[in-house]
Amino acid sequence: SLSPEAHHKALEFTRTLAVDVVYWPTIDPTAVQGSREQMLDAYRSVRDGLKKRIVTLLSPSV
């Protein structure tokens, strides 16, 4: 989940299941103000950060 609210909902929804809930605090790119390029950079930053976390999570352990 990406926000505290989503995290709490995910925990509530999965409380009876044998699953792990992963919480990754993420900035809200819609809150970024500035030039078009600065706003796009905020979205790219979120995208790249999530991609890195997903790849790390799904990579086989050595």
PDB file of N, CA and C in Angstrom:
ATOM      1  N   SER A   1       0.842  -1.179   0.000  1.00  0.00           N
ATOM      2  CA  SER A   1       0.000   0.000   0.000  1.00  0.00           C
ATOM      3  C   SER A   1       0.881   1.235   0.000  1.00  0.00           C
ATOM      4  N   LEU A   2       0.327   2.345  -0.412  1.00  0.00           N
ATOM      5  CA  LEU A   2       1.119   3.555  -0.588  1.00  0.00           C
ATOM      6  C   LEU A   2       0.787   4.660   0.402  1.00  0.00           C
ATOM      7  N   SER A   3      -0.367   4.627   0.997  1.00  0.00           N
ATOM      8  CA  SER A   3      -0.739   5.662   1.964  1.00  0.00           C
ATOM      9  C   SER A   3      -1.118   4.993   3.277  1.00  0.00           C
ATOM     10  N   PRO A   4      -1.054   5.745   4.372  1.00  0.00           N
ATOM     11  CA  PRO A   4      -1.457   5.158   5.654  1.00  0.00           C
ATOM     12  C   PRO A   4      -2.901   4.636   5.624  1.00  0.00           C
ATOM     13  N   GLU A   5      -3.782   5.371   4.950  1.00  0.00           N
ATOM     14  CA  GLU A   5      -5.179   4.943   4.869  1.00  0.00           C
ATOM     15  C   GLU A   5      -5.303   3.620   4.119  1.00  0.00           C
ATOM     16  N   ALA A   6      -4.604   3.504   2.998  1.00  0.00           N
ATOM     17  CA  ALA A   6      -4.640   2.265   2.212  1.00  0.00           C
ATOM     18  C   ALA A   6      -4.022   1.115   2.998  1.00  0.00           C
ATOM     19  N   HIS A   7      -2.981   1.420   3.753  1.00  0.00           N
ATOM     20  CA  HIS A   7      -2.326   0.396   4.565  1.00  0.00           C
ATOM     21  C   HIS A   7      -3.299  -0.163   5.602  1.00  0.00           C
ATOM     22  N   HIS A   8      -3.993   0.703   6.295  1.00  0.00           N
ATOM     23  CA  HIS A   8      -4.953   0.261   7.312  1.00  0.00           C
ATOM     24  C   HIS A   8      -6.086  -0.550   6.682  1.00  0.00           C
ATOM     25  N   LYS A   9      -6.562  -0.111   5.520  1.00  0.00           N
ATOM     26  CA  LYS A   9      -7.615  -0.851   4.827  1.00  0.00           C
ATOM     27  C   LYS A   9      -7.120  -2.233   4.413  1.00  0.00           C
ATOM     28  N   ALA A  10      -5.892  -2.306   3.892  1.00  0.00           N
ATOM     29  CA  ALA A  10      -5.322  -3.589   3.464  1.00  0.00           C
ATOM     30  C   ALA A  10      -5.171  -4.529   4.652  1.00  0.00           C
ATOM     31  N   LEU A  11      -4.717  -3.997   5.778  1.00  0.00           N
ATOM     32  CA  LEU A  11      -4.585  -4.830   6.980  1.00  0.00           C
ATOM     33  C   LEU A  11      -5.945  -5.350   7.441  1.00  0.00           C
ATOM     34  N   GLU A  12      -6.938  -4.479   7.396  1.00  0.00           N
ATOM     35  CA  GLU A  12      -8.289  -4.876   7.799  1.00  0.00           C
ATOM     36  C   GLU A  12      -8.834  -5.948   6.848  1.00  0.00           C
ATOM     37  N   PHE A  13      -8.644  -5.749   5.560  1.00  0.00           N
ATOM     38  CA  PHE A  13      -9.161  -6.664   4.546  1.00  0.00           C
ATOM     39  C   PHE A  13      -8.500  -8.036   4.612  1.00  0.00           C
ATOM     40  N   THR A  14      -7.223  -8.079   4.969  1.00  0.00           N
ATOM     41  CA  THR A  14      -6.457  -9.334   4.932  1.00  0.00           C
ATOM     42  C   THR A  14      -6.230  -9.949   6.312  1.00  0.00           C
ATOM     43  N   ARG A  15      -6.886  -9.443   7.329  1.00  0.00           N
ATOM     44  CA  ARG A  15      -6.598  -9.891   8.698  1.00  0.00           C
ATOM     45  C   ARG A  15      -6.824 -11.383   8.914  1.00  0.00           C
ATOM     46  N   THR A  16      -7.694 -12.008   8.128  1.00  0.00           N
ATOM     47  CA  THR A  16      -7.950 -13.443   8.292  1.00  0.00           C
ATOM     48  C   THR A  16      -7.188 -14.292   7.279  1.00  0.00           C
ATOM     49  N   LEU A  17      -6.331 -13.670   6.499  1.00  0.00           N
ATOM     50  CA  LEU A  17      -5.578 -14.382   5.466  1.00  0.00           C
ATOM     51  C   LEU A  17      -4.114 -14.503   5.859  1.00  0.00           C
ATOM     52  N   ALA A  18      -3.469 -15.522   5.350  1.00  0.00           N
ATOM     53  CA  ALA A  18      -2.034 -15.723   5.616  1.00  0.00           C
ATOM     54  C   ALA A  18      -1.226 -15.010   4.533  1.00  0.00           C
ATOM     55  N   VAL A  19      -1.240 -13.681   4.598  1.00  0.00           N
ATOM     56  CA  VAL A  19      -0.518 -12.874   3.613  1.00  0.00           C
ATOM     57  C   VAL A  19       0.252 -11.769   4.322  1.00  0.00           C
ATOM     58  N   ASP A  20       1.281 -11.289   3.664  1.00  0.00           N
ATOM     59  CA  ASP A  20       2.021 -10.130   4.160  1.00  0.00           C
ATOM     60  C   ASP A  20       1.496  -8.888   3.456  1.00  0.00           C
ATOM     61  N   VAL A  21       1.328  -7.834   4.205  1.00  0.00           N
ATOM     62  CA  VAL A  21       0.949  -6.547   3.631  1.00  0.00           C
ATOM     63  C   VAL A  21       2.180  -5.665   3.670  1.00  0.00           C
ATOM     64  N   VAL A  22       2.553  -5.153   2.515  1.00  0.00           N
ATOM     65  CA  VAL A  22       3.735  -4.306   2.410  1.00  0.00           C
ATOM     66  C   VAL A  22       3.279  -2.853   2.358  1.00  0.00           C
ATOM     67  N   TYR A  23       3.913  -2.018   3.156  1.00  0.00           N
ATOM     68  CA  TYR A  23       3.584  -0.589   3.189  1.00  0.00           C
ATOM     69  C   TYR A  23       4.790   0.203   2.730  1.00  0.00           C
ATOM     70  N   TRP A  24       4.621   0.924   1.647  1.00  0.00           N
ATOM     71  CA  TRP A  24       5.677   1.783   1.122  1.00  0.00           C
ATOM     72  C   TRP A  24       5.177   3.226   1.121  1.00  0.00           C
ATOM     73  N   PRO A  25       5.579   4.017   2.105  1.00  0.00           N
ATOM     74  CA  PRO A  25       5.173   5.425   2.085  1.00  0.00           C
ATOM     75  C   PRO A  25       5.663   6.074   0.789  1.00  0.00           C
ATOM     76  N   THR A  26       4.774   6.768   0.134  1.00  0.00           N
ATOM     77  CA  THR A  26       5.082   7.355  -1.164  1.00  0.00           C
ATOM     78  C   THR A  26       4.567   8.785  -1.205  1.00  0.00           C
ATOM     79  N   ILE A  27       5.363   9.670  -1.766  1.00  0.00           N
ATOM     80  CA  ILE A  27       4.893  11.049  -1.886  1.00  0.00           C
ATOM     81  C   ILE A  27       3.715  11.103  -2.854  1.00  0.00           C
ATOM     82  N   ASP A  28       2.877  12.080  -2.678  1.00  0.00           N
ATOM     83  CA  ASP A  28       1.753  12.300  -3.587  1.00  0.00           C
ATOM     84  C   ASP A  28       2.220  13.259  -4.669  1.00  0.00           C
ATOM     85  N   PRO A  29       2.454  12.779  -5.883  1.00  0.00           N
ATOM     86  CA  PRO A  29       2.983  13.660  -6.920  1.00  0.00           C
ATOM     87  C   PRO A  29       2.003  14.756  -7.331  1.00  0.00           C
ATOM     88  N   THR A  30       0.725  14.591  -7.019  1.00  0.00           N
ATOM     89  CA  THR A  30      -0.235  15.640  -7.363  1.00  0.00           C
ATOM     90  C   THR A  30      -0.061  16.870  -6.483  1.00  0.00           C
ATOM     91  N   ALA A  31       0.642  16.727  -5.366  1.00  0.00           N
ATOM     92  CA  ALA A  31       0.859  17.851  -4.452  1.00  0.00           C
ATOM     93  C   ALA A  31       2.046  18.716  -4.867  1.00  0.00           C
ATOM     94  N   VAL A  32       2.840  18.233  -5.814  1.00  0.00           N
ATOM     95  CA  VAL A  32       4.025  18.976  -6.252  1.00  0.00           C
ATOM     96  C   VAL A  32       3.595  20.120  -7.160  1.00  0.00           C
ATOM     97  N   GLN A  33       4.137  21.293  -6.871  1.00  0.00           N
ATOM     98  CA  GLN A  33       3.842  22.456  -7.699  1.00  0.00           C
ATOM     99  C   GLN A  33       5.124  22.934  -8.348  1.00  0.00           C
ATOM    100  N   GLY A  34       4.972  23.620  -9.433  1.00  0.00           N
ATOM    101  CA  GLY A  34       6.128  24.135 -10.144  1.00  0.00           C
ATOM    102  C   GLY A  34       5.891  24.049 -11.635  1.00  0.00           C
ATOM    103  N   SER A  35       6.984  23.988 -12.360  1.00  0.00           N
ATOM    104  CA  SER A  35       6.883  23.907 -13.814  1.00  0.00           C
ATOM    105  C   SER A  35       6.350  22.533 -14.220  1.00  0.00           C
ATOM    106  N   ARG A  36       5.970  22.427 -15.466  1.00  0.00           N
ATOM    107  CA  ARG A  36       5.497  21.141 -15.987  1.00  0.00           C
ATOM    108  C   ARG A  36       6.570  20.074 -15.781  1.00  0.00           C
ATOM    109  N   GLU A  37       7.810  20.420 -16.040  1.00  0.00           N
ATOM    110  CA  GLU A  37       8.910  19.465 -15.904  1.00  0.00           C
ATOM    111  C   GLU A  37       9.088  19.034 -14.445  1.00  0.00           C
ATOM    112  N   GLN A  38       8.929  19.949 -13.499  1.00  0.00           N
ATOM    113  CA  GLN A  38       9.037  19.599 -12.081  1.00  0.00           C
ATOM    114  C   GLN A  38       7.924  18.636 -11.667  1.00  0.00           C
ATOM    115  N   MET A  39       6.724  18.875 -12.185  1.00  0.00           N
ATOM    116  CA  MET A  39       5.611  17.979 -11.865  1.00  0.00           C
ATOM    117  C   MET A  39       5.830  16.602 -12.488  1.00  0.00           C
ATOM    118  N   LEU A  40       6.302  16.576 -13.726  1.00  0.00           N
ATOM    119  CA  LEU A  40       6.602  15.292 -14.368  1.00  0.00           C
ATOM    120  C   LEU A  40       7.706  14.557 -13.621  1.00  0.00           C
ATOM    121  N   ASP A  41       8.705  15.286 -13.151  1.00  0.00           N
ATOM    122  CA  ASP A  41       9.789  14.670 -12.376  1.00  0.00           C
ATOM    123  C   ASP A  41       9.259  14.013 -11.105  1.00  0.00           C
ATOM    124  N   ALA A  42       8.258  14.630 -10.484  1.00  0.00           N
ATOM    125  CA  ALA A  42       7.663  14.045  -9.277  1.00  0.00           C
ATOM    126  C   ALA A  42       7.005  12.704  -9.604  1.00  0.00           C
ATOM    127  N   TYR A  43       6.270  12.652 -10.701  1.00  0.00           N
ATOM    128  CA  TYR A  43       5.644  11.392 -11.116  1.00  0.00           C
ATOM    129  C   TYR A  43       6.698  10.353 -11.482  1.00  0.00           C
ATOM    130  N   ARG A  44       7.726  10.773 -12.178  1.00  0.00           N
ATOM    131  CA  ARG A  44       8.800   9.848 -12.557  1.00  0.00           C
ATOM    132  C   ARG A  44       9.502   9.294 -11.324  1.00  0.00           C
ATOM    133  N   SER A  45       9.697  10.143 -10.339  1.00  0.00           N
ATOM    134  CA  SER A  45      10.349   9.714  -9.107  1.00  0.00           C
ATOM    135  C   SER A  45       9.530   8.633  -8.400  1.00  0.00           C
ATOM    136  N   VAL A  46       8.223   8.839  -8.313  1.00  0.00           N
ATOM    137  CA  VAL A  46       7.347   7.839  -7.701  1.00  0.00           C
ATOM    138  C   VAL A  46       7.393   6.549  -8.519  1.00  0.00           C
ATOM    139  N   ARG A  47       7.268   6.675  -9.833  1.00  0.00           N
ATOM    140  CA  ARG A  47       7.307   5.495 -10.707  1.00  0.00           C
ATOM    141  C   ARG A  47       8.600   4.711 -10.536  1.00  0.00           C
ATOM    142  N   ASP A  48       9.722   5.416 -10.579  1.00  0.00           N
ATOM    143  CA  ASP A  48      11.019   4.745 -10.486  1.00  0.00           C
ATOM    144  C   ASP A  48      11.236   4.116  -9.115  1.00  0.00           C
ATOM    145  N   GLY A  49      10.792   4.805  -8.068  1.00  0.00           N
ATOM    146  CA  GLY A  49      10.921   4.257  -6.720  1.00  0.00           C
ATOM    147  C   GLY A  49      10.098   2.993  -6.543  1.00  0.00           C
ATOM    148  N   LEU A  50       8.863   3.008  -7.063  1.00  0.00           N
ATOM    149  CA  LEU A  50       8.016   1.816  -6.972  1.00  0.00           C
ATOM    150  C   LEU A  50       8.592   0.665  -7.791  1.00  0.00           C
ATOM    151  N   LYS A  51       9.089   0.983  -8.972  1.00  0.00           N
ATOM    152  CA  LYS A  51       9.687  -0.059  -9.811  1.00  0.00           C
ATOM    153  C   LYS A  51      10.852  -0.732  -9.090  1.00  0.00           C
ATOM    154  N   LYS A  52      11.704   0.071  -8.478  1.00  0.00           N
ATOM    155  CA  LYS A  52      12.860  -0.470  -7.762  1.00  0.00           C
ATOM    156  C   LYS A  52      12.410  -1.373  -6.612  1.00  0.00           C
ATOM    157  N   ARG A  53      11.416  -0.926  -5.861  1.00  0.00           N
ATOM    158  CA  ARG A  53      10.924  -1.720  -4.734  1.00  0.00           C
ATOM    159  C   ARG A  53      10.285  -3.028  -5.197  1.00  0.00           C
ATOM    160  N   ILE A  54       9.520  -2.965  -6.284  1.00  0.00           N
ATOM    161  CA  ILE A  54       8.867  -4.170  -6.805  1.00  0.00           C
ATOM    162  C   ILE A  54       9.900  -5.165  -7.303  1.00  0.00           C
ATOM    163  N   VAL A  55      10.881  -4.682  -8.055  1.00  0.00           N
ATOM    164  CA  VAL A  55      11.931  -5.572  -8.565  1.00  0.00           C
ATOM    165  C   VAL A  55      12.681  -6.220  -7.408  1.00  0.00           C
ATOM    166  N   THR A  56      13.012  -5.429  -6.397  1.00  0.00           N
ATOM    167  CA  THR A  56      13.712  -5.969  -5.228  1.00  0.00           C
ATOM    168  C   THR A  56      12.858  -7.011  -4.515  1.00  0.00           C
ATOM    169  N   LEU A  57      11.581  -6.714  -4.343  1.00  0.00           N
ATOM    170  CA  LEU A  57      10.674  -7.632  -3.654  1.00  0.00           C
ATOM    171  C   LEU A  57      10.531  -8.957  -4.402  1.00  0.00           C
ATOM    172  N   LEU A  58      10.481  -8.895  -5.721  1.00  0.00           N
ATOM    173  CA  LEU A  58      10.235 -10.093  -6.516  1.00  0.00           C
ATOM    174  C   LEU A  58      11.498 -10.814  -6.963  1.00  0.00           C
ATOM    175  N   SER A  59      12.656 -10.225  -6.709  1.00  0.00           N
ATOM    176  CA  SER A  59      13.911 -10.874  -7.090  1.00  0.00           C
ATOM    177  C   SER A  59      14.177 -12.055  -6.172  1.00  0.00           C
ATOM    178  N   PRO A  60      14.653 -13.156  -6.756  1.00  0.00           N
ATOM    179  CA  PRO A  60      14.973 -14.311  -5.907  1.00  0.00           C
ATOM    180  C   PRO A  60      16.115 -13.989  -4.952  1.00  0.00           C
ATOM    181  N   SER A  61      15.995 -14.476  -3.737  1.00  0.00           N
ATOM    182  CA  SER A  61      17.055 -14.275  -2.742  1.00  0.00           C
ATOM    183  C   SER A  61      18.223 -15.180  -3.066  1.00  0.00           C
ATOM    184  N   VAL A  62      19.418 -14.677  -2.817  1.00  0.00           N
ATOM    185  CA  VAL A  62      20.625 -15.469  -3.086  1.00  0.00           C
ATOM    186  C   VAL A  62      21.131 -16.056  -1.792  1.00  0.00           C
TER     187      VAL A  62
END
